[in-house]
Amino acid sequence: MENLIHKISQIEAAASSILDGMDERKASFAAKIREETTKFDMELEQETAEKINCFQDQMKQELKEQQALQQAKGEQILAELDKAYEAGHHAIAQELFSRIIKG
């Protein structure tokens, strides 16, 4: 009987040792998962920031191109108006003068 109690005590000690080992492995695994998650989050955040910066730079470049195009169009329109004015201002002034005099 004493031998049986001793064997049960040994089995219980072995089981307790196994459970303690499992708890240590579980804690180690959880720490590793936290570390990998943190690393992944940091890499993802950095990658996202780089993509955002790239997108912003691209949008700024497109905006500059559009502004340059609009400015060129505006200058072209002004040049055409100046040309039309120079070509016809004398005739327009004569027409207005004639209308005022005829009244």
PDB file of N, CA and C in Angstrom:
ATOM      1  N   MET A   1       0.826  -1.186   0.000  1.00  0.00           N
ATOM      2  CA  MET A   1       0.000   0.000   0.000  1.00  0.00           C
ATOM      3  C   MET A   1       0.876   1.258   0.000  1.00  0.00           C
ATOM      4  N   GLU A   2       1.904   1.231   0.811  1.00  0.00           N
ATOM      5  CA  GLU A   2       2.818   2.359   0.873  1.00  0.00           C
ATOM      6  C   GLU A   2       3.514   2.557  -0.476  1.00  0.00           C
ATOM      7  N   ASN A   3       3.795   1.472  -1.132  1.00  0.00           N
ATOM      8  CA  ASN A   3       4.414   1.510  -2.453  1.00  0.00           C
ATOM      9  C   ASN A   3       3.466   2.172  -3.460  1.00  0.00           C
ATOM     10  N   LEU A   4       2.195   1.878  -3.360  1.00  0.00           N
ATOM     11  CA  LEU A   4       1.175   2.459  -4.244  1.00  0.00           C
ATOM     12  C   LEU A   4       1.056   3.967  -4.001  1.00  0.00           C
ATOM     13  N   ILE A   5       1.067   4.348  -2.725  1.00  0.00           N
ATOM     14  CA  ILE A   5       0.990   5.773  -2.384  1.00  0.00           C
ATOM     15  C   ILE A   5       2.226   6.502  -2.911  1.00  0.00           C
ATOM     16  N   HIS A   6       3.360   5.862  -2.807  1.00  0.00           N
ATOM     17  CA  HIS A   6       4.604   6.451  -3.306  1.00  0.00           C
ATOM     18  C   HIS A   6       4.543   6.637  -4.830  1.00  0.00           C
ATOM     19  N   LYS A   7       4.046   5.651  -5.539  1.00  0.00           N
ATOM     20  CA  LYS A   7       3.924   5.716  -7.001  1.00  0.00           C
ATOM     21  C   LYS A   7       2.960   6.846  -7.396  1.00  0.00           C
ATOM     22  N   ILE A   8       1.826   6.930  -6.678  1.00  0.00           N
ATOM     23  CA  ILE A   8       0.848   7.991  -6.966  1.00  0.00           C
ATOM     24  C   ILE A   8       1.482   9.351  -6.712  1.00  0.00           C
ATOM     25  N   SER A   9       2.266   9.464  -5.661  1.00  0.00           N
ATOM     26  CA  SER A   9       2.946  10.716  -5.332  1.00  0.00           C
ATOM     27  C   SER A   9       3.937  11.074  -6.436  1.00  0.00           C
ATOM     28  N   GLN A  10       4.642  10.099  -6.969  1.00  0.00           N
ATOM     29  CA  GLN A  10       5.591  10.330  -8.056  1.00  0.00           C
ATOM     30  C   GLN A  10       4.863  10.783  -9.333  1.00  0.00           C
ATOM     31  N   ILE A  11       3.733  10.129  -9.587  1.00  0.00           N
ATOM     32  CA  ILE A  11       2.938  10.491 -10.772  1.00  0.00           C
ATOM     33  C   ILE A  11       2.432  11.920 -10.631  1.00  0.00           C
ATOM     34  N   GLU A  12       1.953  12.251  -9.422  1.00  0.00           N
ATOM     35  CA  GLU A  12       1.451  13.593  -9.177  1.00  0.00           C
ATOM     36  C   GLU A  12       2.569  14.628  -9.322  1.00  0.00           C
ATOM     37  N   ALA A  13       3.758  14.352  -8.849  1.00  0.00           N
ATOM     38  CA  ALA A  13       4.901  15.255  -8.963  1.00  0.00           C
ATOM     39  C   ALA A  13       5.287  15.427 -10.435  1.00  0.00           C
ATOM     40  N   ALA A  14       5.260  14.329 -11.184  1.00  0.00           N
ATOM     41  CA  ALA A  14       5.594  14.400 -12.608  1.00  0.00           C
ATOM     42  C   ALA A  14       4.555  15.238 -13.362  1.00  0.00           C
ATOM     43  N   ALA A  15       3.280  15.047 -13.037  1.00  0.00           N
ATOM     44  CA  ALA A  15       2.208  15.799 -13.683  1.00  0.00           C
ATOM     45  C   ALA A  15       2.340  17.284 -13.354  1.00  0.00           C
ATOM     46  N   SER A  16       2.659  17.574 -12.093  1.00  0.00           N
ATOM     47  CA  SER A  16       2.835  18.955 -11.687  1.00  0.00           C
ATOM     48  C   SER A  16       4.012  19.587 -12.423  1.00  0.00           C
ATOM     49  N   SER A  17       5.089  18.842 -12.581  1.00  0.00           N
ATOM     50  CA  SER A  17       6.260  19.325 -13.302  1.00  0.00           C
ATOM     51  C   SER A  17       5.923  19.589 -14.776  1.00  0.00           C
ATOM     52  N   ILE A  18       5.152  18.694 -15.355  1.00  0.00           N
ATOM     53  CA  ILE A  18       4.733  18.869 -16.760  1.00  0.00           C
ATOM     54  C   ILE A  18       3.869  20.125 -16.899  1.00  0.00           C
ATOM     55  N   LEU A  19       2.931  20.322 -15.971  1.00  0.00           N
ATOM     56  CA  LEU A  19       2.059  21.500 -16.018  1.00  0.00           C
ATOM     57  C   LEU A  19       2.859  22.787 -15.846  1.00  0.00           C
ATOM     58  N   ASP A  20       3.850  22.770 -14.943  1.00  0.00           N
ATOM     59  CA  ASP A  20       4.698  23.944 -14.761  1.00  0.00           C
ATOM     60  C   ASP A  20       5.475  24.244 -16.048  1.00  0.00           C
ATOM     61  N   GLY A  21       5.982  23.211 -16.669  1.00  0.00           N
ATOM     62  CA  GLY A  21       6.703  23.372 -17.938  1.00  0.00           C
ATOM     63  C   GLY A  21       5.794  23.924 -19.028  1.00  0.00           C
ATOM     64  N   MET A  22       4.571  23.456 -19.050  1.00  0.00           N
ATOM     65  CA  MET A  22       3.607  23.939 -20.036  1.00  0.00           C
ATOM     66  C   MET A  22       3.274  25.414 -19.791  1.00  0.00           C
ATOM     67  N   ASP A  23       3.145  25.803 -18.522  1.00  0.00           N
ATOM     68  CA  ASP A  23       2.880  27.206 -18.198  1.00  0.00           C
ATOM     69  C   ASP A  23       4.026  28.100 -18.669  1.00  0.00           C
ATOM     70  N   GLU A  24       5.269  27.627 -18.486  1.00  0.00           N
ATOM     71  CA  GLU A  24       6.431  28.393 -18.930  1.00  0.00           C
ATOM     72  C   GLU A  24       6.441  28.519 -20.453  1.00  0.00           C
ATOM     73  N   ARG A  25       6.160  27.411 -21.126  1.00  0.00           N
ATOM     74  CA  ARG A  25       6.120  27.423 -22.592  1.00  0.00           C
ATOM     75  C   ARG A  25       4.986  28.324 -23.085  1.00  0.00           C
ATOM     76  N   LYS A  26       3.860  28.283 -22.379  1.00  0.00           N
ATOM     77  CA  LYS A  26       2.715  29.109 -22.751  1.00  0.00           C
ATOM     78  C   LYS A  26       3.079  30.591 -22.603  1.00  0.00           C
ATOM     79  N   ALA A  27       3.729  30.954 -21.495  1.00  0.00           N
ATOM     80  CA  ALA A  27       4.135  32.342 -21.267  1.00  0.00           C
ATOM     81  C   ALA A  27       5.161  32.773 -22.312  1.00  0.00           C
ATOM     82  N   SER A  28       6.103  31.896 -22.635  1.00  0.00           N
ATOM     83  CA  SER A  28       7.114  32.191 -23.639  1.00  0.00           C
ATOM     84  C   SER A  28       6.468  32.386 -25.010  1.00  0.00           C
ATOM     85  N   PHE A  29       5.522  31.515 -25.344  1.00  0.00           N
ATOM     86  CA  PHE A  29       4.817  31.614 -26.621  1.00  0.00           C
ATOM     87  C   PHE A  29       4.003  32.903 -26.696  1.00  0.00           C
ATOM     88  N   ALA A  30       3.336  33.258 -25.606  1.00  0.00           N
ATOM     89  CA  ALA A  30       2.539  34.492 -25.572  1.00  0.00           C
ATOM     90  C   ALA A  30       3.439  35.719 -25.754  1.00  0.00           C
ATOM     91  N   ALA A  31       4.615  35.708 -25.115  1.00  0.00           N
ATOM     92  CA  ALA A  31       5.556  36.816 -25.255  1.00  0.00           C
ATOM     93  C   ALA A  31       6.048  36.923 -26.694  1.00  0.00           C
ATOM     94  N   LYS A  32       6.321  35.779 -27.301  1.00  0.00           N
ATOM     95  CA  LYS A  32       6.773  35.766 -28.687  1.00  0.00           C
ATOM     96  C   LYS A  32       5.687  36.299 -29.617  1.00  0.00           C
ATOM     97  N   ILE A  33       4.448  35.909 -29.378  1.00  0.00           N
ATOM     98  CA  ILE A  33       3.327  36.392 -30.191  1.00  0.00           C
ATOM     99  C   ILE A  33       3.180  37.902 -30.036  1.00  0.00           C
ATOM    100  N   ARG A  34       3.280  38.414 -28.803  1.00  0.00           N
ATOM    101  CA  ARG A  34       3.197  39.861 -28.574  1.00  0.00           C
ATOM    102  C   ARG A  34       4.314  40.595 -29.317  1.00  0.00           C
ATOM    103  N   GLU A  35       5.522  40.046 -29.245  1.00  0.00           N
ATOM    104  CA  GLU A  35       6.672  40.646 -29.916  1.00  0.00           C
ATOM    105  C   GLU A  35       6.459  40.680 -31.434  1.00  0.00           C
ATOM    106  N   GLU A  36       6.010  39.570 -31.991  1.00  0.00           N
ATOM    107  CA  GLU A  36       5.775  39.505 -33.431  1.00  0.00           C
ATOM    108  C   GLU A  36       4.630  40.429 -33.851  1.00  0.00           C
ATOM    109  N   THR A  37       3.611  40.514 -33.017  1.00  0.00           N
ATOM    110  CA  THR A  37       2.482  41.402 -33.313  1.00  0.00           C
ATOM    111  C   THR A  37       2.940  42.856 -33.305  1.00  0.00           C
ATOM    112  N   THR A  38       3.728  43.219 -32.315  1.00  0.00           N
ATOM    113  CA  THR A  38       4.251  44.583 -32.229  1.00  0.00           C
ATOM    114  C   THR A  38       5.116  44.901 -33.440  1.00  0.00           C
ATOM    115  N   LYS A  39       5.985  43.969 -33.814  1.00  0.00           N
ATOM    116  CA  LYS A  39       6.855  44.152 -34.975  1.00  0.00           C
ATOM    117  C   LYS A  39       6.011  44.308 -36.239  1.00  0.00           C
ATOM    118  N   PHE A  40       5.014  43.456 -36.395  1.00  0.00           N
ATOM    119  CA  PHE A  40       4.130  43.525 -37.571  1.00  0.00           C
ATOM    120  C   PHE A  40       3.408  44.867 -37.617  1.00  0.00           C
ATOM    121  N   ASP A  41       2.881  45.300 -36.470  1.00  0.00           N
ATOM    122  CA  ASP A  41       2.171  46.583 -36.411  1.00  0.00           C
ATOM    123  C   ASP A  41       3.089  47.743 -36.798  1.00  0.00           C
ATOM    124  N   MET A  42       4.314  47.725 -36.317  1.00  0.00           N
ATOM    125  CA  MET A  42       5.268  48.786 -36.625  1.00  0.00           C
ATOM    126  C   MET A  42       5.605  48.790 -38.115  1.00  0.00           C
ATOM    127  N   GLU A  43       5.847  47.604 -38.670  1.00  0.00           N
ATOM    128  CA  GLU A  43       6.166  47.512 -40.097  1.00  0.00           C
ATOM    129  C   GLU A  43       4.981  47.973 -40.946  1.00  0.00           C
ATOM    130  N   LEU A  44       3.790  47.566 -40.552  1.00  0.00           N
ATOM    131  CA  LEU A  44       2.590  47.964 -41.289  1.00  0.00           C
ATOM    132  C   LEU A  44       2.386  49.476 -41.213  1.00  0.00           C
ATOM    133  N   GLU A  45       2.601  50.038 -40.034  1.00  0.00           N
ATOM    134  CA  GLU A  45       2.457  51.485 -39.863  1.00  0.00           C
ATOM    135  C   GLU A  45       3.469  52.237 -40.722  1.00  0.00           C
ATOM    136  N   GLN A  46       4.699  51.749 -40.748  1.00  0.00           N
ATOM    137  CA  GLN A  46       5.741  52.385 -41.555  1.00  0.00           C
ATOM    138  C   GLN A  46       5.407  52.266 -43.047  1.00  0.00           C
ATOM    139  N   GLU A  47       4.985  51.099 -43.464  1.00  0.00           N
ATOM    140  CA  GLU A  47       4.624  50.885 -44.862  1.00  0.00           C
ATOM    141  C   GLU A  47       3.451  51.787 -45.264  1.00  0.00           C
ATOM    142  N   THR A  48       2.476  51.885 -44.387  1.00  0.00           N
ATOM    143  CA  THR A  48       1.311  52.735 -44.655  1.00  0.00           C
ATOM    144  C   THR A  48       1.729  54.202 -44.752  1.00  0.00           C
ATOM    145  N   ALA A  49       2.592  54.644 -43.845  1.00  0.00           N
ATOM    146  CA  ALA A  49       3.069  56.033 -43.869  1.00  0.00           C
ATOM    147  C   ALA A  49       3.828  56.311 -45.167  1.00  0.00           C
ATOM    148  N   GLU A  50       4.649  55.361 -45.608  1.00  0.00           N
ATOM    149  CA  GLU A  50       5.393  55.536 -46.853  1.00  0.00           C
ATOM    150  C   GLU A  50       4.440  55.629 -48.039  1.00  0.00           C
ATOM    151  N   LYS A  51       3.421  54.784 -48.057  1.00  0.00           N
ATOM    152  CA  LYS A  51       2.449  54.825 -49.153  1.00  0.00           C
ATOM    153  C   LYS A  51       1.674  56.138 -49.149  1.00  0.00           C
ATOM    154  N   ILE A  52       1.313  56.606 -47.964  1.00  0.00           N
ATOM    155  CA  ILE A  52       0.594  57.883 -47.853  1.00  0.00           C
ATOM    156  C   ILE A  52       1.478  59.019 -48.361  1.00  0.00           C
ATOM    157  N   ASN A  53       2.744  59.024 -47.950  1.00  0.00           N
ATOM    158  CA  ASN A  53       3.667  60.071 -48.398  1.00  0.00           C
ATOM    159  C   ASN A  53       3.840  60.026 -49.922  1.00  0.00           C
ATOM    160  N   CYS A  54       3.959  58.829 -50.454  1.00  0.00           N
ATOM    161  CA  CYS A  54       4.095  58.673 -51.906  1.00  0.00           C
ATOM    162  C   CYS A  54       2.846  59.203 -52.605  1.00  0.00           C
ATOM    163  N   PHE A  55       1.682  58.864 -52.077  1.00  0.00           N
ATOM    164  CA  PHE A  55       0.423  59.321 -52.660  1.00  0.00           C
ATOM    165  C   PHE A  55       0.322  60.846 -52.580  1.00  0.00           C
ATOM    166  N   GLN A  56       0.708  61.424 -51.444  1.00  0.00           N
ATOM    167  CA  GLN A  56       0.670  62.876 -51.286  1.00  0.00           C
ATOM    168  C   GLN A  56       1.620  63.551 -52.283  1.00  0.00           C
ATOM    169  N   ASP A  57       2.814  62.990 -52.442  1.00  0.00           N
ATOM    170  CA  ASP A  57       3.768  63.556 -53.395  1.00  0.00           C
ATOM    171  C   ASP A  57       3.210  63.495 -54.816  1.00  0.00           C
ATOM    172  N   GLN A  58       2.589  62.376 -55.144  1.00  0.00           N
ATOM    173  CA  GLN A  58       1.993  62.215 -56.464  1.00  0.00           C
ATOM    174  C   GLN A  58       0.873  63.230 -56.673  1.00  0.00           C
ATOM    175  N   MET A  59       0.038  63.412 -55.652  1.00  0.00           N
ATOM    176  CA  MET A  59      -1.064  64.361 -55.761  1.00  0.00           C
ATOM    177  C   MET A  59      -0.540  65.796 -55.889  1.00  0.00           C
ATOM    178  N   LYS A  60       0.513  66.127 -55.150  1.00  0.00           N
ATOM    179  CA  LYS A  60       1.117  67.460 -55.252  1.00  0.00           C
ATOM    180  C   LYS A  60       1.651  67.697 -56.662  1.00  0.00           C
ATOM    181  N   GLN A  61       2.302  66.678 -57.229  1.00  0.00           N
ATOM    182  CA  GLN A  61       2.840  66.803 -58.578  1.00  0.00           C
ATOM    183  C   GLN A  61       1.717  66.991 -59.591  1.00  0.00           C
ATOM    184  N   GLU A  62       0.648  66.218 -59.457  1.00  0.00           N
ATOM    185  CA  GLU A  62      -0.490  66.358 -60.361  1.00  0.00           C
ATOM    186  C   GLU A  62      -1.120  67.745 -60.227  1.00  0.00           C
ATOM    187  N   LEU A  63      -1.212  68.244 -59.010  1.00  0.00           N
ATOM    188  CA  LEU A  63      -1.768  69.578 -58.776  1.00  0.00           C
ATOM    189  C   LEU A  63      -0.897  70.650 -59.428  1.00  0.00           C
ATOM    190  N   LYS A  64       0.424  70.523 -59.298  1.00  0.00           N
ATOM    191  CA  LYS A  64       1.333  71.477 -59.925  1.00  0.00           C
ATOM    192  C   LYS A  64       1.166  71.457 -61.444  1.00  0.00           C
ATOM    193  N   GLU A  65       1.040  70.252 -62.002  1.00  0.00           N
ATOM    194  CA  GLU A  65       0.860  70.130 -63.446  1.00  0.00           C
ATOM    195  C   GLU A  65      -0.450  70.772 -63.892  1.00  0.00           C
ATOM    196  N   GLN A  66      -1.504  70.546 -63.121  1.00  0.00           N
ATOM    197  CA  GLN A  66      -2.793  71.147 -63.452  1.00  0.00           C
ATOM    198  C   GLN A  66      -2.736  72.664 -63.331  1.00  0.00           C
ATOM    199  N   GLN A  67      -2.056  73.165 -62.306  1.00  0.00           N
ATOM    200  CA  GLN A  67      -1.924  74.609 -62.130  1.00  0.00           C
ATOM    201  C   GLN A  67      -1.147  75.218 -63.296  1.00  0.00           C
ATOM    202  N   ALA A  68      -0.079  74.549 -63.712  1.00  0.00           N
ATOM    203  CA  ALA A  68       0.715  75.046 -64.836  1.00  0.00           C
ATOM    204  C   ALA A  68      -0.124  75.059 -66.112  1.00  0.00           C
ATOM    205  N   LEU A  69      -0.906  74.028 -66.312  1.00  0.00           N
ATOM    206  CA  LEU A  69      -1.777  73.958 -67.486  1.00  0.00           C
ATOM    207  C   LEU A  69      -2.818  75.075 -67.460  1.00  0.00           C
ATOM    208  N   GLN A  70      -3.439  75.294 -66.302  1.00  0.00           N
ATOM    209  CA  GLN A  70      -4.432  76.358 -66.166  1.00  0.00           C
ATOM    210  C   GLN A  70      -3.798  77.731 -66.392  1.00  0.00           C
ATOM    211  N   GLN A  71      -2.598  77.905 -65.880  1.00  0.00           N
ATOM    212  CA  GLN A  71      -1.909  79.185 -66.060  1.00  0.00           C
ATOM    213  C   GLN A  71      -1.601  79.405 -67.539  1.00  0.00           C
ATOM    214  N   ALA A  72      -1.158  78.371 -68.221  1.00  0.00           N
ATOM    215  CA  ALA A  72      -0.863  78.489 -69.647  1.00  0.00           C
ATOM    216  C   ALA A  72      -2.135  78.807 -70.434  1.00  0.00           C
ATOM    217  N   LYS A  73      -3.234  78.151 -70.076  1.00  0.00           N
ATOM    218  CA  LYS A  73      -4.505  78.435 -70.748  1.00  0.00           C
ATOM    219  C   LYS A  73      -4.944  79.870 -70.494  1.00  0.00           C
ATOM    220  N   GLY A  74      -4.799  80.325 -69.258  1.00  0.00           N
ATOM    221  CA  GLY A  74      -5.154  81.700 -68.912  1.00  0.00           C
ATOM    222  C   GLY A  74      -4.326  82.712 -69.688  1.00  0.00           C
ATOM    223  N   GLU A  75      -3.033  82.456 -69.790  1.00  0.00           N
ATOM    224  CA  GLU A  75      -2.156  83.350 -70.533  1.00  0.00           C
ATOM    225  C   GLU A  75      -2.516  83.357 -72.016  1.00  0.00           C
ATOM    226  N   GLN A  76      -2.890  82.195 -72.539  1.00  0.00           N
ATOM    227  CA  GLN A  76      -3.289  82.109 -73.935  1.00  0.00           C
ATOM    228  C   GLN A  76      -4.575  82.910 -74.180  1.00  0.00           C
ATOM    229  N   ILE A  77      -5.526  82.779 -73.277  1.00  0.00           N
ATOM    230  CA  ILE A  77      -6.783  83.526 -73.417  1.00  0.00           C
ATOM    231  C   ILE A  77      -6.521  85.029 -73.351  1.00  0.00           C
ATOM    232  N   LEU A  78      -5.679  85.450 -72.409  1.00  0.00           N
ATOM    233  CA  LEU A  78      -5.339  86.877 -72.310  1.00  0.00           C
ATOM    234  C   LEU A  78      -4.655  87.373 -73.581  1.00  0.00           C
ATOM    235  N   ALA A  79      -3.771  86.561 -74.132  1.00  0.00           N
ATOM    236  CA  ALA A  79      -3.086  86.947 -75.370  1.00  0.00           C
ATOM    237  C   ALA A  79      -4.086  87.086 -76.508  1.00  0.00           C
ATOM    238  N   GLU A  80      -5.049  86.175 -76.588  1.00  0.00           N
ATOM    239  CA  GLU A  80      -6.077  86.246 -77.630  1.00  0.00           C
ATOM    240  C   GLU A  80      -6.958  87.481 -77.448  1.00  0.00           C
ATOM    241  N   LEU A  81      -7.308  87.789 -76.199  1.00  0.00           N
ATOM    242  CA  LEU A  81      -8.103  88.992 -75.937  1.00  0.00           C
ATOM    243  C   LEU A  81      -7.337  90.260 -76.307  1.00  0.00           C
ATOM    244  N   ASP A  82      -6.049  90.289 -75.958  1.00  0.00           N
ATOM    245  CA  ASP A  82      -5.219  91.440 -76.321  1.00  0.00           C
ATOM    246  C   ASP A  82      -5.159  91.593 -77.834  1.00  0.00           C
ATOM    247  N   LYS A  83      -4.984  90.474 -78.517  1.00  0.00           N
ATOM    248  CA  LYS A  83      -4.903  90.488 -79.975  1.00  0.00           C
ATOM    249  C   LYS A  83      -6.223  90.989 -80.570  1.00  0.00           C
ATOM    250  N   ALA A  84      -7.341  90.496 -80.050  1.00  0.00           N
ATOM    251  CA  ALA A  84      -8.650  90.925 -80.545  1.00  0.00           C
ATOM    252  C   ALA A  84      -8.855  92.414 -80.268  1.00  0.00           C
ATOM    253  N   TYR A  85      -8.442  92.868 -79.112  1.00  0.00           N
ATOM    254  CA  TYR A  85      -8.577  94.279 -78.762  1.00  0.00           C
ATOM    255  C   TYR A  85      -7.743  95.135 -79.711  1.00  0.00           C
ATOM    256  N   GLU A  86      -6.483  94.735 -79.895  1.00  0.00           N
ATOM    257  CA  GLU A  86      -5.597  95.503 -80.774  1.00  0.00           C
ATOM    258  C   GLU A  86      -6.136  95.533 -82.201  1.00  0.00           C
ATOM    259  N   ALA A  87      -6.700  94.436 -82.637  1.00  0.00           N
ATOM    260  CA  ALA A  87      -7.191  94.369 -84.008  1.00  0.00           C
ATOM    261  C   ALA A  87      -8.473  95.168 -84.186  1.00  0.00           C
ATOM    262  N   GLY A  88      -9.325  95.258 -83.173  1.00  0.00           N
ATOM    263  CA  GLY A  88     -10.632  95.846 -83.388  1.00  0.00           C
ATOM    264  C   GLY A  88     -10.992  97.024 -82.531  1.00  0.00           C
ATOM    265  N   HIS A  89     -10.110  97.502 -81.679  1.00  0.00           N
ATOM    266  CA  HIS A  89     -10.511  98.576 -80.768  1.00  0.00           C
ATOM    267  C   HIS A  89     -10.821  99.877 -81.502  1.00  0.00           C
ATOM    268  N   HIS A  90     -10.108 100.128 -82.563  1.00  0.00           N
ATOM    269  CA  HIS A  90     -10.370 101.365 -83.318  1.00  0.00           C
ATOM    270  C   HIS A  90     -11.763 101.312 -83.953  1.00  0.00           C
ATOM    271  N   ALA A  91     -12.103 100.184 -84.524  1.00  0.00           N
ATOM    272  CA  ALA A  91     -13.412 100.044 -85.164  1.00  0.00           C
ATOM    273  C   ALA A  91     -14.533 100.111 -84.133  1.00  0.00           C
ATOM    274  N   ILE A  92     -14.311  99.515 -82.990  1.00  0.00           N
ATOM    275  CA  ILE A  92     -15.325  99.532 -81.924  1.00  0.00           C
ATOM    276  C   ILE A  92     -15.507 100.959 -81.416  1.00  0.00           C
ATOM    277  N   ALA A  93     -14.414 101.677 -81.239  1.00  0.00           N
ATOM    278  CA  ALA A  93     -14.485 103.067 -80.767  1.00  0.00           C
ATOM    279  C   ALA A  93     -15.226 103.940 -81.783  1.00  0.00           C
ATOM    280  N   GLN A  94     -14.962 103.738 -83.047  1.00  0.00           N
ATOM    281  CA  GLN A  94     -15.654 104.496 -84.099  1.00  0.00           C
ATOM    282  C   GLN A  94     -17.152 104.204 -84.083  1.00  0.00           C
ATOM    283  N   GLU A  95     -17.502 102.917 -83.911  1.00  0.00           N
ATOM    284  CA  GLU A  95     -18.914 102.516 -83.873  1.00  0.00           C
ATOM    285  C   GLU A  95     -19.624 103.176 -82.695  1.00  0.00           C
ATOM    286  N   LEU A  96     -18.986 103.137 -81.515  1.00  0.00           N
ATOM    287  CA  LEU A  96     -19.585 103.774 -80.338  1.00  0.00           C
ATOM    288  C   LEU A  96     -19.722 105.287 -80.532  1.00  0.00           C
ATOM    289  N   PHE A  97     -18.714 105.889 -81.076  1.00  0.00           N
ATOM    290  CA  PHE A  97     -18.742 107.321 -81.311  1.00  0.00           C
ATOM    291  C   PHE A  97     -19.874 107.695 -82.262  1.00  0.00           C
ATOM    292  N   SER A  98     -20.030 106.904 -83.304  1.00  0.00           N
ATOM    293  CA  SER A  98     -21.111 107.148 -84.273  1.00  0.00           C
ATOM    294  C   SER A  98     -22.471 107.023 -83.618  1.00  0.00           C
ATOM    295  N   ARG A  99     -22.644 106.044 -82.768  1.00  0.00           N
ATOM    296  CA  ARG A  99     -23.927 105.840 -82.084  1.00  0.00           C
ATOM    297  C   ARG A  99     -24.238 107.005 -81.131  1.00  0.00           C
ATOM    298  N   ILE A 100     -23.204 107.491 -80.467  1.00  0.00           N
ATOM    299  CA  ILE A 100     -23.402 108.583 -79.509  1.00  0.00           C
ATOM    300  C   ILE A 100     -23.789 109.854 -80.259  1.00  0.00           C
ATOM    301  N   ILE A 101     -23.136 110.117 -81.349  1.00  0.00           N
ATOM    302  CA  ILE A 101     -23.413 111.318 -82.119  1.00  0.00           C
ATOM    303  C   ILE A 101     -24.812 111.251 -82.740  1.00  0.00           C
ATOM    304  N   LYS A 102     -25.201 110.100 -83.261  1.00  0.00           N
ATOM    305  CA  LYS A 102     -26.512 109.947 -83.884  1.00  0.00           C
ATOM    306  C   LYS A 102     -27.610 109.980 -82.840  1.00  0.00           C
ATOM    307  N   GLY A 103     -27.279 109.530 -81.649  1.00  0.00           N
ATOM    308  CA  GLY A 103     -28.062 109.542 -80.490  1.00  0.00           C
ATOM    309  C   GLY A 103     -29.422 109.226 -80.428  1.00  0.00           C
TER     310      GLY A 103
END
